[in-house]
Amino acid sequence: MLEARELTKRYRDVVALDGLSLRVEPGQVMALLGSNGAGKSTTIGLFLGLISSSSGEAFVDGASVSKDPAAARAKLAYVPETASLYPSLSGIETLQFFADLAGRPRPTKSEALAALTAAGLPEAAAAKRVAGYSKGMRQKTALAIAIAKQAKALVLDEPLSGLDPVAAIETTAAIRARAEAGAAVLMATHDLFRAHDIADRLVILKAGRLVAAMSPREIDARGLESLYVAHMRGTA
C-alpha cells in the first residue's frame, strides 16, 4: 500500500506539492496525471525518500518514509523513465548485480530469467548484453528488477515514454500483472489513453494540488482527455 497524508513540499515561496492525500491499495494501479510542474516528480521523490516533506507523511505498506526510511525502501521498487543499467552486463547478470547492491539474496539464473520474461523481455535476450537492448527492453529489465525484489509497492515514472506501440503494450501488461499479483502501483504518465486502459484510479494534479480523481469506469478516454485539458487551461 502507498499512502500520502496531507503531503506538502515547499521551496521557499514555491509550493511544489500542496496537501496531497491519496491511497493506492494492494492490487491497484493509480495513474498520476499532470503537466510538467504539476507535482508528479515531487510526489515520487517524497515516496522514494529522495526529498523531505515540509509537512505531512508518506507511507509504504505502513512504514513512514521519513521516520523509517529503511523499512519503506525495503518494500518499494522504482522504475525511472530512463533506466540506468550497466551495458557490459547481461539481463540476468543485471538482476543479480542489483540484488547484491541491495543486500538481497542473489537470484539464480532461472529465477532471474523468470523475472525477466515476466516483465516481457524475450527469453533469448536475457543472456545478451544490455548494451544491445532497445529502450523498451531496458524498461522491461528495470521492471524485472522490481519483480525480482518482490516489492509490495511499485513507483513508475513515465515507464512508457519513448516506447514503440508493441513495447508499450507489453510493458503495460507486465505492470498490470504486478498489480494483479498484489502490488500497489503508482504510475506517473503523460499518456492519458494508456493510463485509462491500465489504471484502476486516475488522479490529475495541477500546480501541486489534486484537482480531480476518478475511476476509469466513470469516464471514457476522450472524456478524460477533455477533462485534463480543461484543468490545464483553467476552464474546468
Foldseek 3Di string as FASTA:
>chain_A
DKWWAQFWADDVPATLAGGDTDDFFWLFEEEEEEDPSLNPVVVVCQLLLVDDTPDTFIDAVRHTCVPCVVVSNLQEAEQEQFDDFDQAAFLLVRLQVVCVVNVHDRDDSVLSLVLLVLLPADSVRRRPGPNPDDRLSRLSSSSSSVVSSLHQEYEYEASCPPPDPVSNVSNLVSVSVSSNVTHGYYYYHHPQQSCLVRGQKYWYGGSNYTDDIDGSVVDPSVRSVVVRVCVVVVND
